[in-house]
Amino acid sequence: MVKGILPKYRKEGMIELLNWRDKGFFGKKENISIHELADKGAEWGLFLSDSNTPLSAKTIEIELGEIWRGEHLQKVMEKKSKNKNKDKK
């Protein structure tokens, strides 16, 4: 029996984990770093590799960081776009 999030669902799982952090499920967002989140994910065996073994904390941290940067960049660009449209009015 496999316990953990399979690789094909990893990105969605990591996005959800980051959303939970943003919503304060692990305490104040400012107090929980991606590094700490990755450590917990590894401790829990949350994310699995292609061979169904738990990912290391470092791998989780790298992937969470990439996802966070992508999501953060998208939000910043959307915000800039909204502000630009306000300025035109």
Foldseek 3Di string as FASTA:
>chain_A
DFDADEPVCVLVVLVVLLVCLPVQVPHPVVVADLLNSLCVCQVVLHYADNVRGRDHSVVSSVSSVVSVVVVVVVVVVVVVVVVVVVVVD
